[in-house]
Amino acid sequence: MRCFLAIELDDSIKDKLELLKSKFKLKGIKLVEKENLHITIKFLGDVDEETLEKIKNLDLDFGMSSRPLISKIENIGVFPNENYIRVIWVGAHNLVELFKEVDEKLSKLGFKKEKEYVPHITIGRVKFVENKKELQHRVEKHKHVDIGELKIKNICLIKSELTPEGPIYELIKKW
């Protein structure tokens, strides 16, 4: 089963991201549905039942249930670069240490460690672009957007099923 670890967003953050996404309604860009907006901590790929149980048994609370972690959600970025945009995202700050700790625990189960951590919320995927200059202009115009602060109280294990209409996410566990 295809899975990933993520941080859920509260409704106020999602609402502000919806306004921002509306600025990127261009032909060739697939915007992420509101209910699917999240911060991916780690994409796990296809996981068998045995490994899934081991993941579910990890302690991924990190004390956030009693002391939430605050992340500033701001600034637009792109992958891989501004001349060849494939993903449009909004940054999520103050999360690199959390990502490293999760990565460390998962590495003990055989998952490969990440080379770099860029905590973010994907808001759109670029399939093709008719007007590259217009897309670059919109990215630049909204580059310093301030979405607000997110109080992170837990980490979620999510199953992802790919369909022609887009991914369907199902919560498996919350720490």
N, C-alpha and C. Protein backbone atom coordinates (compact mmCIF):
# COMPACT_ATOMS: atom_id res chain seq x y z
N MET A 1 0.84 -1.18 0.00
CA MET A 1 0.00 0.00 0.00
C MET A 1 0.89 1.24 0.00
N ARG A 2 0.52 2.21 -0.81
CA ARG A 2 1.29 3.45 -0.98
C ARG A 2 1.00 4.37 0.21
N CYS A 3 2.05 4.78 0.93
CA CYS A 3 1.85 5.58 2.15
C CYS A 3 2.83 6.73 2.27
N PHE A 4 2.47 7.67 3.12
CA PHE A 4 3.37 8.76 3.48
C PHE A 4 3.03 9.27 4.87
N LEU A 5 4.00 9.95 5.49
CA LEU A 5 3.78 10.61 6.78
C LEU A 5 3.58 12.10 6.50
N ALA A 6 2.61 12.70 7.21
CA ALA A 6 2.28 14.08 6.91
C ALA A 6 1.79 14.83 8.14
N ILE A 7 1.71 16.14 7.96
CA ILE A 7 1.14 17.03 8.96
C ILE A 7 -0.13 17.60 8.35
N GLU A 8 -1.22 17.48 9.09
CA GLU A 8 -2.50 18.03 8.63
C GLU A 8 -2.51 19.54 8.81
N LEU A 9 -3.29 20.20 7.99
CA LEU A 9 -3.43 21.66 8.09
C LEU A 9 -4.79 21.99 8.68
N ASP A 10 -4.85 23.06 9.46
CA ASP A 10 -6.16 23.46 9.98
C ASP A 10 -6.93 24.22 8.90
N ASP A 11 -8.22 24.38 9.13
CA ASP A 11 -9.09 24.99 8.11
C ASP A 11 -8.72 26.42 7.75
N SER A 12 -8.25 27.20 8.74
CA SER A 12 -7.91 28.60 8.42
C SER A 12 -6.72 28.66 7.46
N ILE A 13 -5.74 27.78 7.64
CA ILE A 13 -4.59 27.73 6.74
C ILE A 13 -5.07 27.27 5.35
N LYS A 14 -5.91 26.24 5.31
CA LYS A 14 -6.42 25.74 4.04
C LYS A 14 -7.21 26.82 3.29
N ASP A 15 -8.00 27.59 4.04
CA ASP A 15 -8.80 28.66 3.40
C ASP A 15 -7.89 29.71 2.76
N LYS A 16 -6.82 30.09 3.47
CA LYS A 16 -5.89 31.08 2.92
C LYS A 16 -5.13 30.51 1.71
N LEU A 17 -4.81 29.21 1.77
CA LEU A 17 -4.14 28.58 0.63
C LEU A 17 -5.07 28.51 -0.58
N GLU A 18 -6.36 28.34 -0.34
CA GLU A 18 -7.33 28.33 -1.44
C GLU A 18 -7.32 29.67 -2.18
N LEU A 19 -7.24 30.76 -1.42
CA LEU A 19 -7.17 32.09 -2.05
C LEU A 19 -5.90 32.22 -2.88
N LEU A 20 -4.80 31.74 -2.33
CA LEU A 20 -3.53 31.80 -3.04
C LEU A 20 -3.57 30.93 -4.30
N LYS A 21 -4.11 29.73 -4.18
CA LYS A 21 -4.20 28.82 -5.33
C LYS A 21 -4.97 29.45 -6.49
N SER A 22 -5.96 30.26 -6.16
CA SER A 22 -6.77 30.89 -7.22
C SER A 22 -5.93 31.78 -8.14
N LYS A 23 -4.79 32.24 -7.63
CA LYS A 23 -3.89 33.08 -8.43
C LYS A 23 -3.11 32.25 -9.46
N PHE A 24 -3.18 30.92 -9.33
CA PHE A 24 -2.41 30.03 -10.21
C PHE A 24 -3.31 29.16 -11.08
N LYS A 25 -4.53 29.64 -11.30
CA LYS A 25 -5.44 28.93 -12.20
C LYS A 25 -5.03 29.23 -13.63
N LEU A 26 -4.11 28.44 -14.13
CA LEU A 26 -3.62 28.59 -15.50
C LEU A 26 -3.73 27.24 -16.19
N LYS A 27 -3.94 27.26 -17.47
CA LYS A 27 -4.02 26.02 -18.24
C LYS A 27 -2.71 25.24 -18.07
N GLY A 28 -2.85 23.95 -17.76
CA GLY A 28 -1.68 23.10 -17.59
C GLY A 28 -1.24 22.91 -16.15
N ILE A 29 -1.88 23.64 -15.21
CA ILE A 29 -1.53 23.50 -13.79
C ILE A 29 -2.66 22.77 -13.08
N LYS A 30 -2.31 21.67 -12.40
CA LYS A 30 -3.27 20.91 -11.61
C LYS A 30 -3.11 21.36 -10.17
N LEU A 31 -4.12 22.10 -9.68
CA LEU A 31 -4.07 22.58 -8.30
C LEU A 31 -4.49 21.46 -7.35
N VAL A 32 -3.87 21.41 -6.19
CA VAL A 32 -4.18 20.39 -5.19
C VAL A 32 -5.53 20.72 -4.55
N GLU A 33 -6.39 19.71 -4.46
CA GLU A 33 -7.71 19.90 -3.85
C GLU A 33 -7.55 20.30 -2.38
N LYS A 34 -8.46 21.14 -1.92
CA LYS A 34 -8.40 21.66 -0.56
C LYS A 34 -8.25 20.55 0.48
N GLU A 35 -9.04 19.48 0.33
CA GLU A 35 -9.00 18.39 1.32
C GLU A 35 -7.69 17.60 1.28
N ASN A 36 -6.91 17.77 0.22
CA ASN A 36 -5.65 17.04 0.10
C ASN A 36 -4.41 17.87 0.45
N LEU A 37 -4.59 19.12 0.83
CA LEU A 37 -3.46 19.96 1.22
C LEU A 37 -2.86 19.45 2.53
N HIS A 38 -1.53 19.32 2.57
CA HIS A 38 -0.84 18.82 3.76
C HIS A 38 0.65 19.13 3.61
N ILE A 39 1.39 18.87 4.68
CA ILE A 39 2.85 18.95 4.64
C ILE A 39 3.36 17.52 4.68
N THR A 40 4.00 17.07 3.62
CA THR A 40 4.57 15.72 3.61
C THR A 40 5.86 15.73 4.42
N ILE A 41 5.93 14.83 5.38
CA ILE A 41 7.16 14.67 6.15
C ILE A 41 8.07 13.69 5.42
N LYS A 42 7.47 12.57 4.99
CA LYS A 42 8.25 11.57 4.27
C LYS A 42 7.32 10.69 3.44
N PHE A 43 7.66 10.58 2.15
CA PHE A 43 6.95 9.66 1.27
C PHE A 43 7.57 8.29 1.47
N LEU A 44 6.74 7.29 1.80
CA LEU A 44 7.23 5.96 2.11
C LEU A 44 7.16 5.00 0.93
N GLY A 45 6.33 5.33 -0.05
CA GLY A 45 6.15 4.45 -1.20
C GLY A 45 5.28 3.26 -0.84
N ASP A 46 5.45 2.18 -1.60
CA ASP A 46 4.68 0.97 -1.33
C ASP A 46 5.23 0.25 -0.12
N VAL A 47 4.36 0.02 0.86
CA VAL A 47 4.75 -0.57 2.13
C VAL A 47 3.96 -1.86 2.33
N ASP A 48 4.65 -2.94 2.69
CA ASP A 48 3.93 -4.20 2.95
C ASP A 48 3.33 -4.16 4.36
N GLU A 49 2.46 -5.13 4.65
CA GLU A 49 1.73 -5.15 5.93
C GLU A 49 2.67 -5.22 7.14
N GLU A 50 3.72 -6.02 7.02
CA GLU A 50 4.67 -6.18 8.13
C GLU A 50 5.36 -4.85 8.45
N THR A 51 5.84 -4.17 7.41
CA THR A 51 6.50 -2.87 7.60
C THR A 51 5.50 -1.84 8.10
N LEU A 52 4.29 -1.89 7.60
CA LEU A 52 3.24 -0.96 8.04
C LEU A 52 3.03 -1.09 9.55
N GLU A 53 2.99 -2.31 10.06
CA GLU A 53 2.82 -2.53 11.50
C GLU A 53 3.99 -1.94 12.28
N LYS A 54 5.21 -2.10 11.76
CA LYS A 54 6.40 -1.55 12.43
C LYS A 54 6.32 -0.02 12.46
N ILE A 55 5.86 0.58 11.37
CA ILE A 55 5.71 2.05 11.32
C ILE A 55 4.68 2.48 12.35
N LYS A 56 3.56 1.77 12.40
CA LYS A 56 2.48 2.12 13.34
C LYS A 56 2.94 2.02 14.79
N ASN A 57 3.94 1.17 15.04
CA ASN A 57 4.45 0.98 16.41
C ASN A 57 5.55 1.96 16.79
N LEU A 58 5.99 2.78 15.84
CA LEU A 58 7.00 3.81 16.16
C LEU A 58 6.39 4.86 17.08
N ASP A 59 7.24 5.49 17.89
CA ASP A 59 6.79 6.63 18.70
C ASP A 59 7.10 7.90 17.92
N LEU A 60 6.07 8.45 17.29
CA LEU A 60 6.25 9.67 16.51
C LEU A 60 5.48 10.84 17.12
N ASP A 61 5.31 10.82 18.43
CA ASP A 61 4.59 11.91 19.10
C ASP A 61 5.48 13.12 19.32
N PHE A 62 6.72 12.91 19.72
CA PHE A 62 7.70 13.97 19.97
C PHE A 62 7.20 15.03 20.95
N GLY A 63 6.23 14.68 21.79
CA GLY A 63 5.72 15.61 22.79
C GLY A 63 4.83 16.71 22.23
N MET A 64 4.46 16.60 20.96
CA MET A 64 3.66 17.67 20.34
C MET A 64 2.22 17.70 20.85
N SER A 65 1.72 16.57 21.33
CA SER A 65 0.34 16.56 21.82
C SER A 65 0.19 17.48 23.03
N SER A 66 1.25 17.62 23.82
CA SER A 66 1.19 18.51 24.98
C SER A 66 1.83 19.87 24.71
N ARG A 67 2.77 19.91 23.77
CA ARG A 67 3.46 21.15 23.46
C ARG A 67 3.55 21.27 21.93
N PRO A 68 2.51 21.85 21.31
CA PRO A 68 2.48 21.93 19.85
C PRO A 68 3.70 22.66 19.27
N LEU A 69 4.11 22.21 18.12
CA LEU A 69 5.18 22.84 17.38
C LEU A 69 4.54 23.92 16.50
N ILE A 70 5.14 25.10 16.44
CA ILE A 70 4.58 26.19 15.63
C ILE A 70 5.40 26.31 14.34
N SER A 71 4.69 26.30 13.22
CA SER A 71 5.34 26.47 11.92
C SER A 71 4.75 27.67 11.21
N LYS A 72 5.63 28.54 10.73
CA LYS A 72 5.20 29.70 9.95
C LYS A 72 5.02 29.22 8.51
N ILE A 73 3.85 29.47 7.96
CA ILE A 73 3.52 29.06 6.59
C ILE A 73 3.61 30.31 5.72
N GLU A 74 4.66 30.36 4.89
CA GLU A 74 4.88 31.57 4.09
C GLU A 74 5.82 31.30 2.92
N ASN A 75 5.80 32.18 1.98
CA ASN A 75 6.72 32.23 0.84
C ASN A 75 6.49 31.11 -0.18
N ILE A 76 6.32 31.52 -1.42
CA ILE A 76 6.15 30.56 -2.52
C ILE A 76 7.51 30.10 -3.01
N GLY A 77 7.59 28.83 -3.32
CA GLY A 77 8.78 28.25 -3.93
C GLY A 77 8.36 27.33 -5.06
N VAL A 78 9.33 26.87 -5.82
CA VAL A 78 9.05 25.95 -6.94
C VAL A 78 10.12 24.86 -6.99
N PHE A 79 9.74 23.74 -7.56
CA PHE A 79 10.68 22.65 -7.87
C PHE A 79 10.61 22.39 -9.36
N PRO A 80 11.66 22.05 -10.05
CA PRO A 80 13.04 22.04 -9.55
C PRO A 80 13.66 23.43 -9.52
N ASN A 81 13.24 24.35 -10.43
CA ASN A 81 13.77 25.71 -10.39
C ASN A 81 12.84 26.66 -11.14
N GLU A 82 13.13 27.97 -11.07
CA GLU A 82 12.22 28.97 -11.64
C GLU A 82 12.19 28.98 -13.17
N ASN A 83 13.17 28.36 -13.81
CA ASN A 83 13.14 28.29 -15.28
C ASN A 83 12.43 27.04 -15.78
N TYR A 84 12.26 26.07 -14.90
CA TYR A 84 11.58 24.82 -15.26
C TYR A 84 10.70 24.43 -14.08
N ILE A 85 9.52 25.01 -14.01
CA ILE A 85 8.64 24.83 -12.87
C ILE A 85 7.77 23.59 -13.07
N ARG A 86 7.85 22.67 -12.12
CA ARG A 86 7.00 21.47 -12.14
C ARG A 86 6.09 21.42 -10.92
N VAL A 87 6.53 22.02 -9.81
CA VAL A 87 5.75 22.03 -8.57
C VAL A 87 5.78 23.44 -7.99
N ILE A 88 4.60 23.91 -7.56
CA ILE A 88 4.48 25.20 -6.88
C ILE A 88 4.12 24.89 -5.43
N TRP A 89 4.87 25.49 -4.50
CA TRP A 89 4.65 25.17 -3.09
C TRP A 89 4.76 26.40 -2.21
N VAL A 90 4.26 26.24 -0.96
CA VAL A 90 4.39 27.28 0.07
C VAL A 90 5.23 26.68 1.19
N GLY A 91 6.19 27.44 1.67
CA GLY A 91 7.12 26.95 2.69
C GLY A 91 6.47 26.76 4.06
N ALA A 92 6.99 25.79 4.78
CA ALA A 92 6.58 25.52 6.16
C ALA A 92 7.86 25.54 7.00
N HIS A 93 8.00 26.55 7.82
CA HIS A 93 9.25 26.78 8.54
C HIS A 93 9.29 26.08 9.90
N ASN A 94 10.52 25.94 10.45
CA ASN A 94 10.73 25.40 11.78
C ASN A 94 10.45 23.89 11.86
N LEU A 95 10.60 23.16 10.75
CA LEU A 95 10.27 21.74 10.75
C LEU A 95 11.43 20.81 10.41
N VAL A 96 12.58 21.36 10.04
CA VAL A 96 13.69 20.50 9.60
C VAL A 96 14.11 19.52 10.69
N GLU A 97 14.20 19.96 11.93
CA GLU A 97 14.60 19.05 13.02
C GLU A 97 13.60 17.91 13.19
N LEU A 98 12.31 18.23 13.12
CA LEU A 98 11.28 17.20 13.22
C LEU A 98 11.44 16.19 12.07
N PHE A 99 11.63 16.69 10.85
CA PHE A 99 11.80 15.82 9.68
C PHE A 99 13.01 14.90 9.88
N LYS A 100 14.11 15.45 10.42
CA LYS A 100 15.32 14.66 10.66
C LYS A 100 15.07 13.56 11.69
N GLU A 101 14.34 13.90 12.76
CA GLU A 101 14.04 12.92 13.80
C GLU A 101 13.17 11.78 13.26
N VAL A 102 12.17 12.13 12.46
CA VAL A 102 11.31 11.12 11.85
C VAL A 102 12.15 10.25 10.91
N ASP A 103 12.97 10.89 10.09
CA ASP A 103 13.83 10.18 9.14
C ASP A 103 14.74 9.19 9.86
N GLU A 104 15.29 9.61 10.98
CA GLU A 104 16.18 8.76 11.78
C GLU A 104 15.45 7.51 12.24
N LYS A 105 14.25 7.68 12.77
CA LYS A 105 13.46 6.53 13.25
C LYS A 105 13.11 5.60 12.09
N LEU A 106 12.76 6.17 10.94
CA LEU A 106 12.38 5.34 9.78
C LEU A 106 13.59 4.63 9.17
N SER A 107 14.78 5.24 9.29
CA SER A 107 15.98 4.61 8.74
C SER A 107 16.26 3.28 9.45
N LYS A 108 15.85 3.18 10.72
CA LYS A 108 16.04 1.94 11.48
C LYS A 108 15.12 0.82 10.97
N LEU A 109 14.11 1.20 10.18
CA LEU A 109 13.22 0.21 9.56
C LEU A 109 13.63 -0.07 8.11
N GLY A 110 14.75 0.54 7.69
CA GLY A 110 15.25 0.27 6.35
C GLY A 110 14.93 1.33 5.31
N PHE A 111 14.26 2.41 5.72
CA PHE A 111 13.97 3.49 4.77
C PHE A 111 15.21 4.35 4.55
N LYS A 112 15.42 4.75 3.33
CA LYS A 112 16.58 5.58 2.97
C LYS A 112 16.39 6.99 3.53
N LYS A 113 17.47 7.53 4.09
CA LYS A 113 17.41 8.90 4.62
C LYS A 113 17.37 9.91 3.48
N GLU A 114 16.70 11.02 3.72
CA GLU A 114 16.63 12.11 2.75
C GLU A 114 17.96 12.86 2.72
N LYS A 115 18.32 13.37 1.55
CA LYS A 115 19.55 14.17 1.43
C LYS A 115 19.33 15.60 1.91
N GLU A 116 18.11 16.09 1.72
CA GLU A 116 17.81 17.48 2.04
C GLU A 116 16.35 17.57 2.47
N TYR A 117 16.06 18.54 3.31
CA TYR A 117 14.70 18.72 3.82
C TYR A 117 14.19 20.10 3.39
N VAL A 118 13.08 20.11 2.66
CA VAL A 118 12.45 21.37 2.26
C VAL A 118 10.97 21.26 2.66
N PRO A 119 10.67 21.51 3.95
CA PRO A 119 9.27 21.41 4.38
C PRO A 119 8.38 22.38 3.61
N HIS A 120 7.29 21.83 3.03
CA HIS A 120 6.44 22.66 2.18
C HIS A 120 5.06 22.05 2.02
N ILE A 121 4.16 22.85 1.47
CA ILE A 121 2.81 22.42 1.10
C ILE A 121 2.72 22.58 -0.41
N THR A 122 2.55 21.48 -1.12
CA THR A 122 2.38 21.57 -2.57
C THR A 122 0.99 22.14 -2.85
N ILE A 123 0.92 23.20 -3.66
CA ILE A 123 -0.39 23.76 -4.01
C ILE A 123 -0.73 23.49 -5.47
N GLY A 124 0.28 23.18 -6.30
CA GLY A 124 0.00 22.90 -7.70
C GLY A 124 1.11 22.14 -8.38
N ARG A 125 0.72 21.35 -9.37
CA ARG A 125 1.69 20.62 -10.20
C ARG A 125 1.54 21.11 -11.64
N VAL A 126 2.65 21.42 -12.26
CA VAL A 126 2.63 21.95 -13.62
C VAL A 126 2.82 20.79 -14.59
N LYS A 127 1.77 20.52 -15.37
CA LYS A 127 1.83 19.46 -16.39
C LYS A 127 2.50 20.02 -17.65
N PHE A 128 2.06 21.20 -18.03
CA PHE A 128 2.66 21.94 -19.15
C PHE A 128 2.34 23.40 -18.91
N VAL A 129 3.00 24.27 -19.61
CA VAL A 129 2.74 25.70 -19.42
C VAL A 129 2.65 26.38 -20.78
N GLU A 130 1.58 27.12 -20.98
CA GLU A 130 1.42 27.85 -22.23
C GLU A 130 2.21 29.15 -22.20
N ASN A 131 2.20 29.79 -21.03
CA ASN A 131 2.85 31.08 -20.91
C ASN A 131 3.81 31.05 -19.72
N LYS A 132 5.04 30.63 -19.98
CA LYS A 132 6.05 30.49 -18.93
C LYS A 132 6.29 31.81 -18.21
N LYS A 133 6.36 32.91 -18.96
CA LYS A 133 6.62 34.23 -18.37
C LYS A 133 5.49 34.61 -17.40
N GLU A 134 4.24 34.29 -17.75
CA GLU A 134 3.10 34.62 -16.88
C GLU A 134 3.18 33.82 -15.57
N LEU A 135 3.52 32.54 -15.66
CA LEU A 135 3.67 31.72 -14.46
C LEU A 135 4.80 32.25 -13.59
N GLN A 136 5.93 32.56 -14.19
CA GLN A 136 7.06 33.11 -13.43
C GLN A 136 6.68 34.43 -12.78
N HIS A 137 5.91 35.26 -13.49
CA HIS A 137 5.45 36.54 -12.94
C HIS A 137 4.57 36.32 -11.71
N ARG A 138 3.65 35.37 -11.79
CA ARG A 138 2.76 35.10 -10.66
C ARG A 138 3.53 34.54 -9.46
N VAL A 139 4.49 33.68 -9.72
CA VAL A 139 5.32 33.15 -8.63
C VAL A 139 6.06 34.31 -7.96
N GLU A 140 6.66 35.17 -8.75
CA GLU A 140 7.42 36.31 -8.22
C GLU A 140 6.50 37.27 -7.45
N LYS A 141 5.32 37.54 -8.00
CA LYS A 141 4.37 38.47 -7.38
C LYS A 141 3.92 37.99 -5.99
N HIS A 142 3.77 36.68 -5.82
CA HIS A 142 3.26 36.14 -4.56
C HIS A 142 4.36 35.48 -3.72
N LYS A 143 5.60 35.67 -4.13
CA LYS A 143 6.75 35.00 -3.50
C LYS A 143 6.78 35.18 -1.98
N HIS A 144 6.43 36.35 -1.49
CA HIS A 144 6.54 36.65 -0.06
C HIS A 144 5.20 36.57 0.68
N VAL A 145 4.31 35.72 0.20
CA VAL A 145 2.99 35.57 0.82
C VAL A 145 3.14 35.06 2.27
N ASP A 146 2.28 35.56 3.15
CA ASP A 146 2.26 35.14 4.55
C ASP A 146 0.91 34.48 4.82
N ILE A 147 0.91 33.18 4.99
CA ILE A 147 -0.34 32.44 5.20
C ILE A 147 -0.71 32.41 6.68
N GLY A 148 0.29 32.42 7.56
CA GLY A 148 0.01 32.41 9.00
C GLY A 148 0.80 31.34 9.72
N GLU A 149 0.39 31.09 10.97
CA GLU A 149 1.07 30.09 11.79
C GLU A 149 0.21 28.85 11.92
N LEU A 150 0.88 27.71 11.90
CA LEU A 150 0.20 26.43 12.05
C LEU A 150 0.68 25.79 13.35
N LYS A 151 -0.27 25.42 14.21
CA LYS A 151 0.06 24.69 15.44
C LYS A 151 0.01 23.21 15.10
N ILE A 152 1.16 22.56 15.21
CA ILE A 152 1.26 21.14 14.86
C ILE A 152 1.20 20.32 16.13
N LYS A 153 0.17 19.49 16.22
CA LYS A 153 -0.03 18.67 17.42
C LYS A 153 0.22 17.19 17.15
N ASN A 154 0.25 16.80 15.87
CA ASN A 154 0.45 15.38 15.58
C ASN A 154 0.99 15.14 14.18
N ILE A 155 1.39 13.90 14.00
CA ILE A 155 1.87 13.40 12.72
C ILE A 155 0.89 12.33 12.27
N CYS A 156 0.63 12.26 10.98
CA CYS A 156 -0.32 11.29 10.45
C CYS A 156 0.33 10.33 9.47
N LEU A 157 -0.09 9.09 9.54
CA LEU A 157 0.28 8.08 8.55
C LEU A 157 -0.90 7.98 7.60
N ILE A 158 -0.65 8.21 6.32
CA ILE A 158 -1.73 8.29 5.34
C ILE A 158 -1.50 7.32 4.20
N LYS A 159 -2.58 6.64 3.83
CA LYS A 159 -2.57 5.77 2.66
C LYS A 159 -2.99 6.63 1.47
N SER A 160 -2.31 6.45 0.35
CA SER A 160 -2.60 7.22 -0.85
C SER A 160 -2.93 6.27 -2.00
N GLU A 161 -4.14 6.41 -2.53
CA GLU A 161 -4.54 5.60 -3.67
C GLU A 161 -4.64 6.52 -4.88
N LEU A 162 -3.88 6.21 -5.91
CA LEU A 162 -3.90 7.03 -7.11
C LEU A 162 -5.07 6.63 -8.00
N THR A 163 -5.83 7.62 -8.45
CA THR A 163 -6.93 7.38 -9.38
C THR A 163 -6.81 8.38 -10.53
N PRO A 164 -7.49 8.13 -11.64
CA PRO A 164 -7.44 9.09 -12.76
C PRO A 164 -7.94 10.49 -12.37
N GLU A 165 -8.81 10.57 -11.37
CA GLU A 165 -9.34 11.87 -10.92
C GLU A 165 -8.41 12.56 -9.94
N GLY A 166 -7.41 11.85 -9.47
CA GLY A 166 -6.49 12.40 -8.47
C GLY A 166 -6.35 11.44 -7.31
N PRO A 167 -5.44 11.73 -6.37
CA PRO A 167 -5.22 10.81 -5.26
C PRO A 167 -6.37 10.83 -4.25
N ILE A 168 -6.58 9.67 -3.63
CA ILE A 168 -7.54 9.56 -2.53
C ILE A 168 -6.73 9.21 -1.29
N TYR A 169 -6.84 10.05 -0.25
CA TYR A 169 -6.08 9.85 0.97
C TYR A 169 -6.96 9.26 2.06
N GLU A 170 -6.37 8.34 2.83
CA GLU A 170 -7.08 7.73 3.95
C GLU A 170 -6.14 7.72 5.15
N LEU A 171 -6.61 8.28 6.27
CA LEU A 171 -5.82 8.31 7.50
C LEU A 171 -5.72 6.90 8.07
N ILE A 172 -4.50 6.45 8.36
CA ILE A 172 -4.28 5.14 8.96
C ILE A 172 -4.03 5.28 10.45
N LYS A 173 -3.16 6.24 10.82
CA LYS A 173 -2.84 6.44 12.24
C LYS A 173 -2.42 7.88 12.47
N LYS A 174 -2.71 8.35 13.69
CA LYS A 174 -2.31 9.69 14.12
C LYS A 174 -1.56 9.55 15.43
N TRP A 175 -0.37 10.18 15.50
CA TRP A 175 0.40 10.16 16.74
C TRP A 175 0.20 11.45 17.48
